[in-house]
Amino acid sequence: MSHYETLNFPGRVLVVEDDPMIIALFQRWFSWHHELELVGASGAQEALRLWRESDFDLLLTDIELDGMNGVELAIEARRERPDAAIALMTAHASVDYATQAVRATVNDFIEKPLDKVDICGRVLALVAEVQKRRAGAGRTVLAAGAHPDDVEPRWNENSCAITHVSCCSK
């Protein structure tokens, strides 16, 4: 199944980058992806304001920003919207940055220079995953009259699903 088949259009991406040429590059790369809306922010404070005012599927931020860095922004964004995806970008990849990214529970860590095919695929995959998770978050399965021994729950980190309900007593 492609990302297009799972995406509930439009996906919304907040790109935070202090270099306006990078934001313009992303807008050009994604201009033909009509299912994605990209909003650019030049700094962390502007990004936080936009993040709070609107519903985004993905925060894609550079790590090295003036004032608040991208890791701090990711932590604050995750606190406010735990169901959204967050990806960090950097031209200065290091073990320290990677460790900080893991601690900030980011979904992806992207090294610059950016590759168009790679970044487009990653962004679409992250947005599709968020939308899929959000679509399934409201579903509840009830098994009326089922005995606990007749139900086999399947757990993962995001959900629990009932995989089998026996309708006959043993």
N, C-alpha and C. Protein backbone atom coordinates (compact mmCIF):
# COMPACT_ATOMS: atom_id res chain seq x y z
N MET A 1 0.85 -1.17 0.00
CA MET A 1 0.00 0.00 0.00
C MET A 1 0.90 1.24 0.00
N SER A 2 0.65 2.18 -0.91
CA SER A 2 1.46 3.39 -0.98
C SER A 2 0.99 4.39 0.07
N HIS A 3 1.83 5.40 0.30
CA HIS A 3 1.48 6.44 1.25
C HIS A 3 0.24 7.19 0.79
N TYR A 4 0.04 7.29 -0.53
CA TYR A 4 -1.11 8.01 -1.06
C TYR A 4 -2.41 7.31 -0.70
N GLU A 5 -2.39 6.00 -0.59
CA GLU A 5 -3.60 5.25 -0.28
C GLU A 5 -4.00 5.40 1.18
N THR A 6 -3.06 5.77 2.05
CA THR A 6 -3.37 5.89 3.47
C THR A 6 -3.49 7.34 3.93
N LEU A 7 -3.17 8.30 3.07
CA LEU A 7 -3.19 9.70 3.46
C LEU A 7 -4.59 10.27 3.36
N ASN A 8 -5.06 10.87 4.45
CA ASN A 8 -6.32 11.60 4.43
C ASN A 8 -5.96 13.04 4.08
N PHE A 9 -6.32 13.45 2.89
CA PHE A 9 -5.87 14.74 2.40
C PHE A 9 -6.59 15.87 3.09
N PRO A 10 -6.00 17.04 3.25
CA PRO A 10 -4.59 17.28 3.03
C PRO A 10 -3.79 17.05 4.31
N GLY A 11 -2.55 16.67 4.16
CA GLY A 11 -1.64 16.58 5.30
C GLY A 11 -1.03 17.95 5.53
N ARG A 12 -0.75 18.26 6.79
CA ARG A 12 -0.19 19.59 7.10
C ARG A 12 1.18 19.42 7.74
N VAL A 13 2.15 20.14 7.19
CA VAL A 13 3.54 20.05 7.64
C VAL A 13 4.03 21.45 7.99
N LEU A 14 4.59 21.58 9.20
CA LEU A 14 5.22 22.83 9.61
C LEU A 14 6.73 22.65 9.48
N VAL A 15 7.33 23.43 8.58
CA VAL A 15 8.78 23.38 8.34
C VAL A 15 9.42 24.57 9.05
N VAL A 16 10.36 24.28 9.95
CA VAL A 16 11.04 25.33 10.72
C VAL A 16 12.50 25.36 10.30
N GLU A 17 12.89 26.47 9.70
CA GLU A 17 14.25 26.59 9.14
C GLU A 17 14.58 28.07 9.09
N ASP A 18 15.74 28.45 9.63
CA ASP A 18 16.13 29.86 9.62
C ASP A 18 16.70 30.31 8.28
N ASP A 19 16.91 29.40 7.37
CA ASP A 19 17.38 29.72 6.02
C ASP A 19 16.17 29.73 5.08
N PRO A 20 15.75 30.92 4.62
CA PRO A 20 14.56 30.99 3.75
C PRO A 20 14.71 30.20 2.45
N MET A 21 15.96 29.99 2.01
CA MET A 21 16.16 29.21 0.78
C MET A 21 15.77 27.75 0.98
N ILE A 22 15.97 27.21 2.18
CA ILE A 22 15.58 25.82 2.46
C ILE A 22 14.06 25.71 2.47
N ILE A 23 13.38 26.69 3.08
CA ILE A 23 11.91 26.67 3.07
C ILE A 23 11.40 26.74 1.64
N ALA A 24 11.98 27.63 0.82
CA ALA A 24 11.59 27.74 -0.59
C ALA A 24 11.85 26.44 -1.34
N LEU A 25 12.96 25.78 -1.02
CA LEU A 25 13.28 24.50 -1.64
C LEU A 25 12.21 23.46 -1.32
N PHE A 26 11.82 23.37 -0.05
CA PHE A 26 10.76 22.43 0.34
C PHE A 26 9.45 22.75 -0.37
N GLN A 27 9.10 24.03 -0.43
CA GLN A 27 7.86 24.41 -1.11
C GLN A 27 7.91 24.03 -2.58
N ARG A 28 9.05 24.18 -3.21
CA ARG A 28 9.18 23.78 -4.62
C ARG A 28 9.09 22.26 -4.75
N TRP A 29 9.79 21.52 -3.89
CA TRP A 29 9.77 20.06 -3.95
C TRP A 29 8.37 19.49 -3.73
N PHE A 30 7.62 20.10 -2.84
CA PHE A 30 6.30 19.57 -2.50
C PHE A 30 5.16 20.26 -3.25
N SER A 31 5.46 21.17 -4.16
CA SER A 31 4.41 21.91 -4.87
C SER A 31 3.50 21.00 -5.68
N TRP A 32 4.01 19.89 -6.15
CA TRP A 32 3.19 18.96 -6.93
C TRP A 32 2.46 17.96 -6.05
N HIS A 33 2.76 17.95 -4.73
CA HIS A 33 2.04 17.09 -3.79
C HIS A 33 0.84 17.87 -3.26
N HIS A 34 -0.24 17.90 -4.02
CA HIS A 34 -1.40 18.70 -3.65
C HIS A 34 -2.04 18.21 -2.36
N GLU A 35 -1.70 17.01 -1.93
CA GLU A 35 -2.25 16.46 -0.70
C GLU A 35 -1.51 16.96 0.54
N LEU A 36 -0.47 17.75 0.36
CA LEU A 36 0.30 18.29 1.49
C LEU A 36 0.26 19.81 1.48
N GLU A 37 0.03 20.37 2.66
CA GLU A 37 0.13 21.81 2.84
C GLU A 37 1.36 22.08 3.69
N LEU A 38 2.32 22.82 3.15
CA LEU A 38 3.53 23.18 3.88
C LEU A 38 3.42 24.61 4.37
N VAL A 39 3.72 24.80 5.65
CA VAL A 39 3.76 26.13 6.24
C VAL A 39 5.18 26.32 6.76
N GLY A 40 5.79 27.44 6.42
CA GLY A 40 7.16 27.70 6.84
C GLY A 40 7.23 28.65 8.02
N ALA A 41 8.19 28.42 8.90
CA ALA A 41 8.47 29.30 10.03
C ALA A 41 9.98 29.51 10.08
N SER A 42 10.40 30.74 10.35
CA SER A 42 11.83 31.05 10.33
C SER A 42 12.51 30.89 11.68
N GLY A 43 11.74 30.60 12.72
CA GLY A 43 12.33 30.42 14.04
C GLY A 43 11.41 29.65 14.96
N ALA A 44 11.94 29.29 16.12
CA ALA A 44 11.20 28.44 17.07
C ALA A 44 9.98 29.14 17.66
N GLN A 45 10.10 30.42 17.98
CA GLN A 45 8.97 31.12 18.59
C GLN A 45 7.80 31.23 17.61
N GLU A 46 8.10 31.57 16.36
CA GLU A 46 7.06 31.61 15.33
C GLU A 46 6.46 30.22 15.14
N ALA A 47 7.30 29.20 15.15
CA ALA A 47 6.83 27.82 14.98
C ALA A 47 5.90 27.41 16.11
N LEU A 48 6.25 27.73 17.35
CA LEU A 48 5.38 27.40 18.48
C LEU A 48 4.03 28.08 18.37
N ARG A 49 4.03 29.35 17.94
CA ARG A 49 2.77 30.06 17.76
C ARG A 49 1.90 29.36 16.71
N LEU A 50 2.49 29.03 15.57
CA LEU A 50 1.75 28.34 14.50
C LEU A 50 1.29 26.96 14.96
N TRP A 51 2.15 26.23 15.67
CA TRP A 51 1.85 24.88 16.16
C TRP A 51 0.63 24.91 17.07
N ARG A 52 0.55 25.96 17.91
CA ARG A 52 -0.57 26.08 18.85
C ARG A 52 -1.85 26.54 18.17
N GLU A 53 -1.73 27.29 17.10
CA GLU A 53 -2.90 27.86 16.42
C GLU A 53 -3.55 26.91 15.43
N SER A 54 -2.83 25.92 14.97
CA SER A 54 -3.34 25.07 13.90
C SER A 54 -2.96 23.62 14.14
N ASP A 55 -3.64 22.72 13.44
CA ASP A 55 -3.40 21.29 13.60
C ASP A 55 -2.47 20.80 12.50
N PHE A 56 -1.25 20.43 12.88
CA PHE A 56 -0.28 19.91 11.93
C PHE A 56 -0.07 18.42 12.17
N ASP A 57 0.23 17.70 11.09
CA ASP A 57 0.56 16.28 11.19
C ASP A 57 2.04 16.07 11.49
N LEU A 58 2.87 17.00 11.03
CA LEU A 58 4.33 16.84 11.13
C LEU A 58 5.00 18.17 11.42
N LEU A 59 5.94 18.14 12.35
CA LEU A 59 6.86 19.24 12.58
C LEU A 59 8.21 18.80 12.04
N LEU A 60 8.71 19.51 11.05
CA LEU A 60 10.01 19.22 10.43
C LEU A 60 10.90 20.42 10.72
N THR A 61 11.86 20.26 11.63
CA THR A 61 12.64 21.41 12.08
C THR A 61 14.14 21.17 12.03
N ASP A 62 14.83 22.24 11.70
CA ASP A 62 16.28 22.23 11.79
C ASP A 62 16.65 22.20 13.28
N ILE A 63 17.78 21.63 13.62
CA ILE A 63 18.20 21.60 15.02
C ILE A 63 18.78 22.95 15.44
N GLU A 64 19.60 23.52 14.58
CA GLU A 64 20.30 24.74 14.95
C GLU A 64 19.49 25.97 14.56
N LEU A 65 18.75 26.48 15.56
CA LEU A 65 17.94 27.67 15.39
C LEU A 65 18.38 28.70 16.43
N ASP A 66 18.11 29.97 16.17
CA ASP A 66 18.42 31.01 17.15
C ASP A 66 17.42 30.93 18.30
N GLY A 67 17.88 31.23 19.49
CA GLY A 67 17.01 31.19 20.66
C GLY A 67 16.83 29.76 21.14
N MET A 68 15.67 29.21 20.91
CA MET A 68 15.37 27.82 21.26
C MET A 68 15.85 26.93 20.12
N ASN A 69 16.58 25.86 20.44
CA ASN A 69 17.04 24.98 19.36
C ASN A 69 15.94 23.99 18.96
N GLY A 70 16.18 23.27 17.89
CA GLY A 70 15.18 22.35 17.36
C GLY A 70 14.80 21.22 18.30
N VAL A 71 15.74 20.77 19.13
CA VAL A 71 15.44 19.71 20.09
C VAL A 71 14.48 20.24 21.15
N GLU A 72 14.75 21.44 21.67
CA GLU A 72 13.85 22.05 22.65
C GLU A 72 12.47 22.28 22.05
N LEU A 73 12.44 22.72 20.80
CA LEU A 73 11.18 22.90 20.09
C LEU A 73 10.44 21.58 19.97
N ALA A 74 11.16 20.52 19.64
CA ALA A 74 10.55 19.19 19.51
C ALA A 74 9.94 18.73 20.83
N ILE A 75 10.63 18.95 21.93
CA ILE A 75 10.12 18.56 23.24
C ILE A 75 8.83 19.31 23.56
N GLU A 76 8.82 20.61 23.33
CA GLU A 76 7.62 21.42 23.59
C GLU A 76 6.47 21.01 22.66
N ALA A 77 6.78 20.79 21.39
CA ALA A 77 5.75 20.39 20.42
C ALA A 77 5.16 19.03 20.79
N ARG A 78 6.00 18.09 21.20
CA ARG A 78 5.54 16.76 21.60
C ARG A 78 4.64 16.85 22.83
N ARG A 79 5.00 17.71 23.77
CA ARG A 79 4.20 17.91 24.98
C ARG A 79 2.79 18.42 24.61
N GLU A 80 2.73 19.30 23.65
CA GLU A 80 1.45 19.90 23.27
C GLU A 80 0.62 19.02 22.34
N ARG A 81 1.29 18.24 21.51
CA ARG A 81 0.56 17.40 20.57
C ARG A 81 1.28 16.06 20.43
N PRO A 82 1.02 15.13 21.37
CA PRO A 82 1.76 13.86 21.38
C PRO A 82 1.48 12.96 20.18
N ASP A 83 0.38 13.19 19.47
CA ASP A 83 0.05 12.31 18.35
C ASP A 83 0.67 12.75 17.02
N ALA A 84 1.31 13.91 16.99
CA ALA A 84 1.93 14.40 15.75
C ALA A 84 3.32 13.78 15.58
N ALA A 85 3.80 13.80 14.35
CA ALA A 85 5.16 13.33 14.06
C ALA A 85 6.12 14.51 14.13
N ILE A 86 7.35 14.21 14.52
CA ILE A 86 8.38 15.24 14.61
C ILE A 86 9.65 14.69 13.99
N ALA A 87 10.25 15.49 13.10
CA ALA A 87 11.52 15.11 12.47
C ALA A 87 12.50 16.26 12.63
N LEU A 88 13.73 15.91 12.97
CA LEU A 88 14.80 16.89 13.11
C LEU A 88 15.74 16.79 11.91
N MET A 89 16.21 17.97 11.44
CA MET A 89 17.18 18.02 10.35
C MET A 89 18.45 18.71 10.86
N THR A 90 19.59 18.26 10.38
CA THR A 90 20.83 18.93 10.72
C THR A 90 21.91 18.67 9.67
N ALA A 91 22.75 19.68 9.50
CA ALA A 91 23.93 19.52 8.65
C ALA A 91 25.12 19.10 9.49
N HIS A 92 24.94 19.07 10.81
CA HIS A 92 26.03 18.76 11.74
C HIS A 92 25.64 17.56 12.60
N ALA A 93 25.43 16.42 11.97
CA ALA A 93 25.02 15.22 12.70
C ALA A 93 26.12 14.80 13.67
N SER A 94 25.69 14.44 14.86
CA SER A 94 26.64 13.98 15.87
C SER A 94 25.93 12.99 16.78
N VAL A 95 26.70 12.26 17.53
CA VAL A 95 26.12 11.33 18.50
C VAL A 95 25.31 12.10 19.52
N ASP A 96 25.80 13.28 19.92
CA ASP A 96 25.09 14.10 20.89
C ASP A 96 23.72 14.51 20.36
N TYR A 97 23.65 14.99 19.12
CA TYR A 97 22.36 15.36 18.53
C TYR A 97 21.45 14.14 18.40
N ALA A 98 21.99 13.03 17.98
CA ALA A 98 21.17 11.81 17.85
C ALA A 98 20.62 11.38 19.19
N THR A 99 21.42 11.47 20.24
CA THR A 99 20.97 11.12 21.59
C THR A 99 19.87 12.07 22.04
N GLN A 100 20.05 13.35 21.79
CA GLN A 100 19.03 14.34 22.15
C GLN A 100 17.73 14.07 21.39
N ALA A 101 17.84 13.69 20.13
CA ALA A 101 16.65 13.39 19.32
C ALA A 101 15.89 12.21 19.89
N VAL A 102 16.61 11.17 20.30
CA VAL A 102 15.96 10.00 20.90
C VAL A 102 15.25 10.40 22.19
N ARG A 103 15.92 11.17 23.01
CA ARG A 103 15.32 11.61 24.28
C ARG A 103 14.09 12.50 24.05
N ALA A 104 14.09 13.24 22.96
CA ALA A 104 12.96 14.10 22.64
C ALA A 104 11.84 13.34 21.94
N THR A 105 12.00 12.05 21.77
CA THR A 105 11.04 11.14 21.11
C THR A 105 10.65 11.62 19.71
N VAL A 106 11.65 12.02 18.94
CA VAL A 106 11.36 12.39 17.55
C VAL A 106 11.18 11.13 16.71
N ASN A 107 10.45 11.29 15.62
CA ASN A 107 10.15 10.16 14.75
C ASN A 107 11.21 9.93 13.68
N ASP A 108 11.97 10.97 13.34
CA ASP A 108 12.98 10.83 12.30
C ASP A 108 14.09 11.84 12.52
N PHE A 109 15.28 11.48 12.09
CA PHE A 109 16.48 12.31 12.21
C PHE A 109 17.09 12.37 10.82
N ILE A 110 17.07 13.54 10.20
CA ILE A 110 17.45 13.68 8.79
C ILE A 110 18.73 14.50 8.67
N GLU A 111 19.71 13.92 7.98
CA GLU A 111 20.98 14.61 7.78
C GLU A 111 20.95 15.41 6.47
N LYS A 112 21.48 16.62 6.53
CA LYS A 112 21.67 17.43 5.34
C LYS A 112 23.03 17.07 4.77
N PRO A 113 23.26 17.17 3.49
CA PRO A 113 22.38 17.76 2.49
C PRO A 113 21.16 16.89 2.22
N LEU A 114 20.08 17.56 1.88
CA LEU A 114 18.81 16.88 1.67
C LEU A 114 18.72 16.29 0.27
N ASP A 115 18.11 15.13 0.19
CA ASP A 115 17.85 14.47 -1.08
C ASP A 115 16.35 14.54 -1.34
N LYS A 116 15.95 15.07 -2.49
CA LYS A 116 14.54 15.29 -2.78
C LYS A 116 13.70 14.03 -2.65
N VAL A 117 14.10 12.95 -3.28
CA VAL A 117 13.32 11.71 -3.25
C VAL A 117 13.22 11.17 -1.83
N ASP A 118 14.34 11.19 -1.11
CA ASP A 118 14.37 10.69 0.26
C ASP A 118 13.47 11.52 1.17
N ILE A 119 13.61 12.83 1.13
CA ILE A 119 12.83 13.69 2.04
C ILE A 119 11.35 13.63 1.71
N CYS A 120 11.00 13.60 0.43
CA CYS A 120 9.58 13.51 0.05
C CYS A 120 8.98 12.20 0.56
N GLY A 121 9.70 11.11 0.40
CA GLY A 121 9.22 9.82 0.89
C GLY A 121 9.06 9.79 2.39
N ARG A 122 10.03 10.34 3.10
CA ARG A 122 9.97 10.36 4.57
C ARG A 122 8.80 11.21 5.06
N VAL A 123 8.64 12.39 4.48
CA VAL A 123 7.55 13.28 4.90
C VAL A 123 6.20 12.63 4.65
N LEU A 124 6.00 12.08 3.46
CA LEU A 124 4.73 11.41 3.15
C LEU A 124 4.48 10.24 4.09
N ALA A 125 5.50 9.46 4.38
CA ALA A 125 5.34 8.31 5.28
C ALA A 125 4.97 8.75 6.69
N LEU A 126 5.62 9.80 7.19
CA LEU A 126 5.32 10.28 8.54
C LEU A 126 3.91 10.84 8.63
N VAL A 127 3.50 11.63 7.64
CA VAL A 127 2.15 12.19 7.64
C VAL A 127 1.11 11.08 7.53
N ALA A 128 1.35 10.11 6.66
CA ALA A 128 0.41 8.99 6.52
C ALA A 128 0.28 8.21 7.82
N GLU A 129 1.38 7.98 8.51
CA GLU A 129 1.35 7.24 9.78
C GLU A 129 0.56 8.00 10.84
N VAL A 130 0.76 9.30 10.93
CA VAL A 130 0.01 10.11 11.90
C VAL A 130 -1.48 10.06 11.59
N GLN A 131 -1.84 10.24 10.33
CA GLN A 131 -3.25 10.24 9.97
C GLN A 131 -3.89 8.87 10.19
N LYS A 132 -3.15 7.82 9.91
CA LYS A 132 -3.65 6.46 10.15
C LYS A 132 -3.88 6.24 11.64
N ARG A 133 -2.93 6.67 12.45
CA ARG A 133 -3.04 6.52 13.91
C ARG A 133 -4.21 7.34 14.45
N ARG A 134 -4.36 8.57 13.96
CA ARG A 134 -5.46 9.42 14.41
C ARG A 134 -6.81 8.85 14.00
N ALA A 135 -6.89 8.29 12.80
CA ALA A 135 -8.16 7.71 12.32
C ALA A 135 -8.56 6.51 13.17
N GLY A 136 -7.60 5.74 13.65
CA GLY A 136 -7.90 4.56 14.45
C GLY A 136 -8.04 4.84 15.92
N ALA A 137 -7.68 6.05 16.36
CA ALA A 137 -7.68 6.37 17.79
C ALA A 137 -9.06 6.37 18.40
N GLY A 138 -10.08 6.68 17.61
CA GLY A 138 -11.42 6.78 18.17
C GLY A 138 -12.21 5.49 18.13
N ARG A 139 -11.63 4.44 17.57
CA ARG A 139 -12.38 3.19 17.45
C ARG A 139 -12.33 2.39 18.75
N THR A 140 -13.50 1.87 19.13
CA THR A 140 -13.60 1.01 20.30
C THR A 140 -14.32 -0.25 19.88
N VAL A 141 -13.79 -1.37 20.27
CA VAL A 141 -14.42 -2.65 19.95
C VAL A 141 -15.03 -3.20 21.22
N LEU A 142 -16.32 -3.49 21.18
CA LEU A 142 -17.00 -4.07 22.33
C LEU A 142 -17.39 -5.50 22.01
N ALA A 143 -17.20 -6.36 22.95
CA ALA A 143 -17.60 -7.76 22.79
C ALA A 143 -18.63 -8.05 23.88
N ALA A 144 -19.88 -7.82 23.58
CA ALA A 144 -20.94 -8.00 24.57
C ALA A 144 -21.10 -9.47 24.91
N GLY A 145 -21.07 -9.75 26.19
CA GLY A 145 -21.30 -11.11 26.66
C GLY A 145 -20.12 -12.04 26.53
N ALA A 146 -19.00 -11.55 26.09
CA ALA A 146 -17.83 -12.42 25.91
C ALA A 146 -17.19 -12.71 27.26
N HIS A 147 -16.75 -13.91 27.42
CA HIS A 147 -16.02 -14.31 28.62
C HIS A 147 -14.56 -13.92 28.42
N PRO A 148 -13.87 -13.44 29.47
CA PRO A 148 -12.47 -13.03 29.30
C PRO A 148 -11.57 -14.11 28.71
N ASP A 149 -11.88 -15.38 28.94
CA ASP A 149 -11.06 -16.45 28.37
C ASP A 149 -11.25 -16.60 26.86
N ASP A 150 -12.33 -16.01 26.32
CA ASP A 150 -12.63 -16.13 24.90
C ASP A 150 -12.06 -14.98 24.07
N VAL A 151 -11.39 -14.05 24.69
CA VAL A 151 -10.88 -12.87 24.00
C VAL A 151 -9.35 -12.89 24.04
N GLU A 152 -8.74 -12.72 22.87
CA GLU A 152 -7.28 -12.68 22.77
C GLU A 152 -6.85 -11.26 22.40
N PRO A 153 -6.42 -10.45 23.36
CA PRO A 153 -5.97 -9.10 23.00
C PRO A 153 -4.59 -9.14 22.36
N ARG A 154 -4.37 -8.24 21.43
CA ARG A 154 -3.06 -8.07 20.80
C ARG A 154 -2.60 -6.65 21.11
N TRP A 155 -1.47 -6.52 21.73
CA TRP A 155 -0.97 -5.22 22.16
C TRP A 155 0.18 -4.76 21.29
N ASN A 156 0.23 -3.47 21.08
CA ASN A 156 1.45 -2.85 20.58
C ASN A 156 1.58 -1.52 21.30
N GLU A 157 2.57 -0.74 20.95
CA GLU A 157 2.81 0.49 21.71
C GLU A 157 1.70 1.52 21.56
N ASN A 158 0.88 1.44 20.52
CA ASN A 158 -0.12 2.47 20.27
C ASN A 158 -1.55 2.02 20.50
N SER A 159 -1.81 0.72 20.51
CA SER A 159 -3.20 0.32 20.57
C SER A 159 -3.34 -1.11 21.06
N CYS A 160 -4.56 -1.48 21.27
CA CYS A 160 -4.91 -2.85 21.62
C CYS A 160 -6.05 -3.26 20.69
N ALA A 161 -5.97 -4.41 20.12
CA ALA A 161 -7.02 -4.89 19.22
C ALA A 161 -7.46 -6.27 19.66
N ILE A 162 -8.74 -6.54 19.55
CA ILE A 162 -9.25 -7.88 19.85
C ILE A 162 -9.17 -8.68 18.56
N THR A 163 -8.44 -9.78 18.60
CA THR A 163 -8.21 -10.54 17.38
C THR A 163 -9.15 -11.73 17.24
N HIS A 164 -9.75 -12.17 18.33
CA HIS A 164 -10.62 -13.34 18.23
C HIS A 164 -11.62 -13.31 19.38
N VAL A 165 -12.86 -13.52 19.06
CA VAL A 165 -13.88 -13.68 20.09
C VAL A 165 -14.61 -14.97 19.79
N SER A 166 -14.62 -15.86 20.75
CA SER A 166 -15.31 -17.14 20.58
C SER A 166 -16.77 -16.96 20.96
N CYS A 167 -17.65 -17.47 20.14
CA CYS A 167 -19.07 -17.32 20.44
C CYS A 167 -19.66 -18.59 21.06
N CYS A 168 -18.88 -19.57 21.22
CA CYS A 168 -19.37 -20.83 21.77
C CYS A 168 -18.62 -21.15 23.06
N SER A 169 -19.32 -21.70 24.05
CA SER A 169 -18.64 -22.07 25.29
C SER A 169 -17.83 -23.33 25.05
N LYS A 170 -16.79 -23.50 25.86
CA LYS A 170 -15.86 -24.61 25.68
C LYS A 170 -16.34 -25.84 26.40
